[in-house]
């Protein structure tokens, strides 16, 4: 937008940096300009950027995926570590830290095999600097999955960042930890 072009600013200098960074990712940038109308920038990135390292978990025979980067740890439950607070919320006490417990069956309105928190496995996850413990029936394999957007193919779903097709042909939902925390009503202290 400057009227005079210099070596450090002017037309296209910033776009050159963008183009170089995208090319380093094996992507491409296409520009279509129409004088007096505007420009259209098309950025293409390889599919490998849509691959996520995930932990497959099972709740009532439905397989979900937690992003591996969001998982802090997984533990088996012991009754003495669970505390009920006002409002009927369960809290996990671990290493002098209190972590809210989320039940996927309540958040997504599904029937879970484990009605009591003392029978499940807790996966402690973190999103937006908030830790929560999610009750699951079983931990399955860790694997890389290709993310398919729900927004492009369906609509935005709170608590879900996308879906993937597993090796056996079934569709599994990839959980958005930050969205899941908001959906469950957990707030930062």
C-alpha atoms as a PDB file:
ATOM      1  CA  UNK A   1       0.000   0.000   0.000  1.00  0.00           C
ATOM      2  CA  UNK A   2       3.017   2.304   0.039  1.00  0.00           C
ATOM      3  CA  UNK A   3       3.287   4.735  -2.806  1.00  0.00           C
ATOM      4  CA  UNK A   4       7.059   4.171  -3.081  1.00  0.00           C
ATOM      5  CA  UNK A   5       8.695   0.744  -3.069  1.00  0.00           C
ATOM      6  CA  UNK A   6      11.882   0.228  -1.041  1.00  0.00           C
ATOM      7  CA  UNK A   7      14.054  -2.827  -0.361  1.00  0.00           C
ATOM      8  CA  UNK A   8      12.406  -3.471   3.007  1.00  0.00           C
ATOM      9  CA  UNK A   9       8.782  -2.625   2.258  1.00  0.00           C
ATOM     10  CA  UNK A  10       6.458  -2.298  -0.629  1.00  0.00           C
ATOM     11  CA  UNK A  11       4.470  -4.523  -2.907  1.00  0.00           C
ATOM     12  CA  UNK A  12       5.057  -8.245  -2.476  1.00  0.00           C
ATOM     13  CA  UNK A  13       7.918  -8.196   0.034  1.00  0.00           C
ATOM     14  CA  UNK A  14       5.798  -9.792   2.817  1.00  0.00           C
ATOM     15  CA  UNK A  15       4.200 -12.248   0.386  1.00  0.00           C
ATOM     16  CA  UNK A  16       7.664 -13.488  -0.580  1.00  0.00           C
ATOM     17  CA  UNK A  17       8.193 -14.583   3.023  1.00  0.00           C
ATOM     18  CA  UNK A  18       4.800 -16.336   3.023  1.00  0.00           C
ATOM     19  CA  UNK A  19       5.598 -18.075  -0.289  1.00  0.00           C
ATOM     20  CA  UNK A  20       8.985 -19.288   0.966  1.00  0.00           C
ATOM     21  CA  UNK A  21       7.502 -20.675   4.188  1.00  0.00           C
ATOM     22  CA  UNK A  22       4.746 -22.505   2.308  1.00  0.00           C
ATOM     23  CA  UNK A  23       7.250 -23.925  -0.168  1.00  0.00           C
ATOM     24  CA  UNK A  24       9.291 -25.258   2.768  1.00  0.00           C
ATOM     25  CA  UNK A  25       6.174 -27.251   3.689  1.00  0.00           C
ATOM     26  CA  UNK A  26       6.010 -28.579   0.090  1.00  0.00           C
ATOM     27  CA  UNK A  27       2.985 -26.399  -0.600  1.00  0.00           C
ATOM     28  CA  UNK A  28       2.142 -23.876  -3.299  1.00  0.00           C
ATOM     29  CA  UNK A  29       0.696 -20.363  -3.487  1.00  0.00           C
ATOM     30  CA  UNK A  30      -1.236 -19.148  -6.508  1.00  0.00           C
ATOM     31  CA  UNK A  31      -2.228 -15.519  -7.016  1.00  0.00           C
ATOM     32  CA  UNK A  32      -4.956 -14.328  -9.389  1.00  0.00           C
ATOM     33  CA  UNK A  33      -5.231 -10.525  -9.613  1.00  0.00           C
ATOM     34  CA  UNK A  34      -7.759  -8.338 -11.352  1.00  0.00           C
ATOM     35  CA  UNK A  35      -6.841  -4.624 -11.519  1.00  0.00           C
ATOM     36  CA  UNK A  36      -9.335  -2.475  -9.648  1.00  0.00           C
ATOM     37  CA  UNK A  37     -11.113  -5.553  -8.207  1.00  0.00           C
ATOM     38  CA  UNK A  38      -8.660  -7.390  -5.980  1.00  0.00           C
ATOM     39  CA  UNK A  39      -6.610 -10.532  -5.666  1.00  0.00           C
ATOM     40  CA  UNK A  40      -7.349 -14.152  -4.857  1.00  0.00           C
ATOM     41  CA  UNK A  41      -4.667 -16.134  -3.041  1.00  0.00           C
ATOM     42  CA  UNK A  42      -4.905 -19.935  -3.173  1.00  0.00           C
ATOM     43  CA  UNK A  43      -2.680 -21.798  -0.729  1.00  0.00           C
ATOM     44  CA  UNK A  44      -2.311 -25.561  -1.160  1.00  0.00           C
ATOM     45  CA  UNK A  45      -0.669 -27.623   1.553  1.00  0.00           C
ATOM     46  CA  UNK A  46       0.102 -31.347   1.440  1.00  0.00           C
ATOM     47  CA  UNK A  47      -2.264 -33.797   3.141  1.00  0.00           C
ATOM     48  CA  UNK A  48       0.456 -34.829   5.581  1.00  0.00           C
ATOM     49  CA  UNK A  49      -0.195 -31.594   7.484  1.00  0.00           C
ATOM     50  CA  UNK A  50      -3.635 -32.958   8.319  1.00  0.00           C
ATOM     51  CA  UNK A  51      -2.192 -35.955  10.152  1.00  0.00           C
ATOM     52  CA  UNK A  52      -2.599 -36.178  13.912  1.00  0.00           C
ATOM     53  CA  UNK A  53      -0.899 -38.410  16.463  1.00  0.00           C
ATOM     54  CA  UNK A  54      -3.832 -39.737  18.471  1.00  0.00           C
ATOM     55  CA  UNK A  55      -4.795 -42.023  21.338  1.00  0.00           C
ATOM     56  CA  UNK A  56      -7.792 -44.187  20.503  1.00  0.00           C
ATOM     57  CA  UNK A  57     -10.175 -44.576  23.423  1.00  0.00           C
ATOM     58  CA  UNK A  58     -13.417 -46.497  23.760  1.00  0.00           C
ATOM     59  CA  UNK A  59     -16.657 -45.377  25.410  1.00  0.00           C
ATOM     60  CA  UNK A  60     -19.604 -47.773  25.041  1.00  0.00           C
ATOM     61  CA  UNK A  61     -18.076 -49.501  21.998  1.00  0.00           C
ATOM     62  CA  UNK A  62     -17.623 -46.145  20.227  1.00  0.00           C
ATOM     63  CA  UNK A  63     -14.015 -45.239  19.415  1.00  0.00           C
ATOM     64  CA  UNK A  64     -12.944 -41.625  19.899  1.00  0.00           C
ATOM     65  CA  UNK A  65      -9.528 -40.070  19.446  1.00  0.00           C
ATOM     66  CA  UNK A  66      -7.693 -37.749  21.824  1.00  0.00           C
ATOM     67  CA  UNK A  67      -4.854 -35.720  20.295  1.00  0.00           C
ATOM     68  CA  UNK A  68      -1.741 -37.251  21.854  1.00  0.00           C
ATOM     69  CA  UNK A  69      -0.286 -33.794  22.508  1.00  0.00           C
ATOM     70  CA  UNK A  70      -3.238 -32.998  24.822  1.00  0.00           C
ATOM     71  CA  UNK A  71      -2.815 -36.056  27.056  1.00  0.00           C
ATOM     72  CA  UNK A  72      -1.052 -35.512  30.365  1.00  0.00           C
ATOM     73  CA  UNK A  73      -1.439 -39.057  31.755  1.00  0.00           C
ATOM     74  CA  UNK A  74      -3.812 -42.004  32.132  1.00  0.00           C
ATOM     75  CA  UNK A  75      -4.631 -43.643  35.450  1.00  0.00           C
ATOM     76  CA  UNK A  76      -6.855 -46.369  36.860  1.00  0.00           C
ATOM     77  CA  UNK A  77      -9.330 -45.100  39.393  1.00  0.00           C
ATOM     78  CA  UNK A  78      -9.159 -45.539  43.138  1.00  0.00           C
ATOM     79  CA  UNK A  79     -12.110 -44.458  45.262  1.00  0.00           C
ATOM     80  CA  UNK A  80      -9.971 -42.463  47.692  1.00  0.00           C
ATOM     81  CA  UNK A  81      -8.819 -40.093  44.929  1.00  0.00           C
ATOM     82  CA  UNK A  82     -12.377 -39.076  43.942  1.00  0.00           C
ATOM     83  CA  UNK A  83     -14.191 -36.296  45.793  1.00  0.00           C
ATOM     84  CA  UNK A  84     -17.736 -35.045  45.217  1.00  0.00           C
ATOM     85  CA  UNK A  85     -18.201 -31.285  45.494  1.00  0.00           C
ATOM     86  CA  UNK A  86     -21.320 -29.152  45.651  1.00  0.00           C
ATOM     87  CA  UNK A  87     -23.382 -29.296  42.487  1.00  0.00           C
ATOM     88  CA  UNK A  88     -22.765 -33.024  42.080  1.00  0.00           C
ATOM     89  CA  UNK A  89     -19.415 -32.631  40.306  1.00  0.00           C
ATOM     90  CA  UNK A  90     -16.678 -35.225  40.836  1.00  0.00           C
ATOM     91  CA  UNK A  91     -13.107 -34.050  41.343  1.00  0.00           C
ATOM     92  CA  UNK A  92      -9.932 -36.122  41.064  1.00  0.00           C
ATOM     93  CA  UNK A  93      -7.288 -35.450  43.696  1.00  0.00           C
ATOM     94  CA  UNK A  94      -3.854 -36.362  42.436  1.00  0.00           C
ATOM     95  CA  UNK A  95      -0.506 -35.055  43.737  1.00  0.00           C
ATOM     96  CA  UNK A  96      -2.258 -32.277  45.712  1.00  0.00           C
ATOM     97  CA  UNK A  97      -4.030 -31.057  42.573  1.00  0.00           C
ATOM     98  CA  UNK A  98      -7.803 -31.111  42.075  1.00  0.00           C
ATOM     99  CA  UNK A  99      -8.953 -31.923  38.541  1.00  0.00           C
ATOM    100  CA  UNK A 100     -12.614 -31.906  37.381  1.00  0.00           C
ATOM    101  CA  UNK A 101     -13.916 -35.206  35.986  1.00  0.00           C
ATOM    102  CA  UNK A 102     -15.820 -35.248  32.688  1.00  0.00           C
ATOM    103  CA  UNK A 103     -18.029 -38.131  31.600  1.00  0.00           C
ATOM    104  CA  UNK A 104     -18.303 -38.382  27.808  1.00  0.00           C
ATOM    105  CA  UNK A 105     -21.651 -40.165  28.270  1.00  0.00           C
ATOM    106  CA  UNK A 106     -23.040 -36.988  29.844  1.00  0.00           C
ATOM    107  CA  UNK A 107     -21.421 -34.534  27.438  1.00  0.00           C
ATOM    108  CA  UNK A 108     -22.436 -36.452  24.280  1.00  0.00           C
ATOM    109  CA  UNK A 109     -25.591 -38.041  25.763  1.00  0.00           C
ATOM    110  CA  UNK A 110     -24.490 -41.657  25.283  1.00  0.00           C
ATOM    111  CA  UNK A 111     -24.850 -44.731  27.471  1.00  0.00           C
ATOM    112  CA  UNK A 112     -21.513 -45.713  28.992  1.00  0.00           C
ATOM    113  CA  UNK A 113     -20.529 -49.146  30.251  1.00  0.00           C
ATOM    114  CA  UNK A 114     -19.075 -47.675  33.454  1.00  0.00           C
ATOM    115  CA  UNK A 115     -21.718 -45.798  35.440  1.00  0.00           C
ATOM    116  CA  UNK A 116     -19.486 -45.363  38.490  1.00  0.00           C
ATOM    117  CA  UNK A 117     -16.252 -43.408  38.283  1.00  0.00           C
ATOM    118  CA  UNK A 118     -14.564 -46.104  40.370  1.00  0.00           C
ATOM    119  CA  UNK A 119     -14.765 -48.617  37.482  1.00  0.00           C
ATOM    120  CA  UNK A 120     -13.218 -46.652  34.630  1.00  0.00           C
ATOM    121  CA  UNK A 121      -9.919 -45.349  33.391  1.00  0.00           C
ATOM    122  CA  UNK A 122      -9.199 -41.649  33.642  1.00  0.00           C
ATOM    123  CA  UNK A 123      -7.366 -39.868  30.865  1.00  0.00           C
ATOM    124  CA  UNK A 124      -6.087 -36.526  32.111  1.00  0.00           C
ATOM    125  CA  UNK A 125      -6.015 -34.043  29.254  1.00  0.00           C
ATOM    126  CA  UNK A 126      -5.212 -30.358  29.028  1.00  0.00           C
ATOM    127  CA  UNK A 127      -6.659 -27.673  26.796  1.00  0.00           C
ATOM    128  CA  UNK A 128      -6.388 -23.907  27.118  1.00  0.00           C
ATOM    129  CA  UNK A 129      -4.313 -24.410  30.311  1.00  0.00           C
ATOM    130  CA  UNK A 130      -7.183 -26.272  32.006  1.00  0.00           C
ATOM    131  CA  UNK A 131      -6.757 -29.904  33.066  1.00  0.00           C
ATOM    132  CA  UNK A 132      -9.692 -32.308  33.160  1.00  0.00           C
ATOM    133  CA  UNK A 133      -9.952 -36.055  33.692  1.00  0.00           C
ATOM    134  CA  UNK A 134     -12.128 -37.877  31.162  1.00  0.00           C
ATOM    135  CA  UNK A 135     -13.632 -41.255  32.090  1.00  0.00           C
ATOM    136  CA  UNK A 136     -13.186 -43.878  29.362  1.00  0.00           C
ATOM    137  CA  UNK A 137     -13.999 -47.580  29.195  1.00  0.00           C
ATOM    138  CA  UNK A 138     -10.742 -48.642  27.552  1.00  0.00           C
ATOM    139  CA  UNK A 139      -7.506 -47.327  26.084  1.00  0.00           C
ATOM    140  CA  UNK A 140      -6.790 -48.693  22.629  1.00  0.00           C
ATOM    141  CA  UNK A 141      -3.827 -48.105  20.324  1.00  0.00           C
ATOM    142  CA  UNK A 142      -1.942 -44.929  19.553  1.00  0.00           C
ATOM    143  CA  UNK A 143      -1.772 -44.147  15.857  1.00  0.00           C
ATOM    144  CA  UNK A 144      -1.512 -41.406  13.295  1.00  0.00           C
ATOM    145  CA  UNK A 145      -4.815 -40.485  11.707  1.00  0.00           C
ATOM    146  CA  UNK A 146      -5.800 -38.249   8.809  1.00  0.00           C
ATOM    147  CA  UNK A 147      -8.143 -35.473   9.948  1.00  0.00           C
ATOM    148  CA  UNK A 148     -11.300 -34.949   7.910  1.00  0.00           C
ATOM    149  CA  UNK A 149     -13.071 -31.683   8.641  1.00  0.00           C
ATOM    150  CA  UNK A 150     -16.672 -31.883   9.800  1.00  0.00           C
ATOM    151  CA  UNK A 151     -17.187 -28.209   9.034  1.00  0.00           C
ATOM    152  CA  UNK A 152     -16.432 -28.710   5.325  1.00  0.00           C
ATOM    153  CA  UNK A 153     -18.530 -31.866   5.002  1.00  0.00           C
ATOM    154  CA  UNK A 154     -21.283 -31.351   7.594  1.00  0.00           C
ATOM    155  CA  UNK A 155     -21.230 -28.527  10.138  1.00  0.00           C
ATOM    156  CA  UNK A 156     -19.237 -27.400  13.175  1.00  0.00           C
ATOM    157  CA  UNK A 157     -19.838 -29.713  16.144  1.00  0.00           C
ATOM    158  CA  UNK A 158     -18.854 -28.446  19.614  1.00  0.00           C
ATOM    159  CA  UNK A 159     -16.249 -30.675  21.282  1.00  0.00           C
ATOM    160  CA  UNK A 160     -15.302 -32.381  17.998  1.00  0.00           C
ATOM    161  CA  UNK A 161     -12.413 -31.148  15.847  1.00  0.00           C
ATOM    162  CA  UNK A 162     -12.910 -33.624  13.010  1.00  0.00           C
ATOM    163  CA  UNK A 163     -13.275 -37.255  12.076  1.00  0.00           C
ATOM    164  CA  UNK A 164     -11.152 -39.992  10.590  1.00  0.00           C
ATOM    165  CA  UNK A 165     -11.659 -43.368   8.958  1.00  0.00           C
ATOM    166  CA  UNK A 166      -9.930 -46.149  10.872  1.00  0.00           C
ATOM    167  CA  UNK A 167      -8.226 -49.155   9.288  1.00  0.00           C
ATOM    168  CA  UNK A 168     -11.360 -51.306   9.679  1.00  0.00           C
ATOM    169  CA  UNK A 169     -13.462 -48.731   7.788  1.00  0.00           C
ATOM    170  CA  UNK A 170     -15.295 -47.289  10.804  1.00  0.00           C
ATOM    171  CA  UNK A 171     -15.531 -43.559  11.378  1.00  0.00           C
ATOM    172  CA  UNK A 172     -14.066 -42.188  14.599  1.00  0.00           C
ATOM    173  CA  UNK A 173     -14.529 -38.676  15.975  1.00  0.00           C
ATOM    174  CA  UNK A 174     -11.467 -36.653  16.981  1.00  0.00           C
ATOM    175  CA  UNK A 175     -12.142 -34.788  20.204  1.00  0.00           C
ATOM    176  CA  UNK A 176     -11.354 -31.091  20.529  1.00  0.00           C
ATOM    177  CA  UNK A 177     -10.122 -30.884  24.114  1.00  0.00           C
ATOM    178  CA  UNK A 178     -10.678 -27.131  24.533  1.00  0.00           C
ATOM    179  CA  UNK A 179     -14.177 -27.419  23.042  1.00  0.00           C
ATOM    180  CA  UNK A 180     -14.924 -30.471  25.205  1.00  0.00           C
ATOM    181  CA  UNK A 181     -13.917 -28.564  28.337  1.00  0.00           C
ATOM    182  CA  UNK A 182     -16.197 -25.656  27.381  1.00  0.00           C
ATOM    183  CA  UNK A 183     -19.035 -28.022  26.468  1.00  0.00           C
ATOM    184  CA  UNK A 184     -18.752 -29.695  29.891  1.00  0.00           C
ATOM    185  CA  UNK A 185     -18.943 -26.298  31.575  1.00  0.00           C
ATOM    186  CA  UNK A 186     -15.508 -26.410  33.209  1.00  0.00           C
ATOM    187  CA  UNK A 187     -14.087 -22.949  33.865  1.00  0.00           C
ATOM    188  CA  UNK A 188     -10.628 -21.789  34.878  1.00  0.00           C
ATOM    189  CA  UNK A 189     -10.172 -21.141  38.600  1.00  0.00           C
END
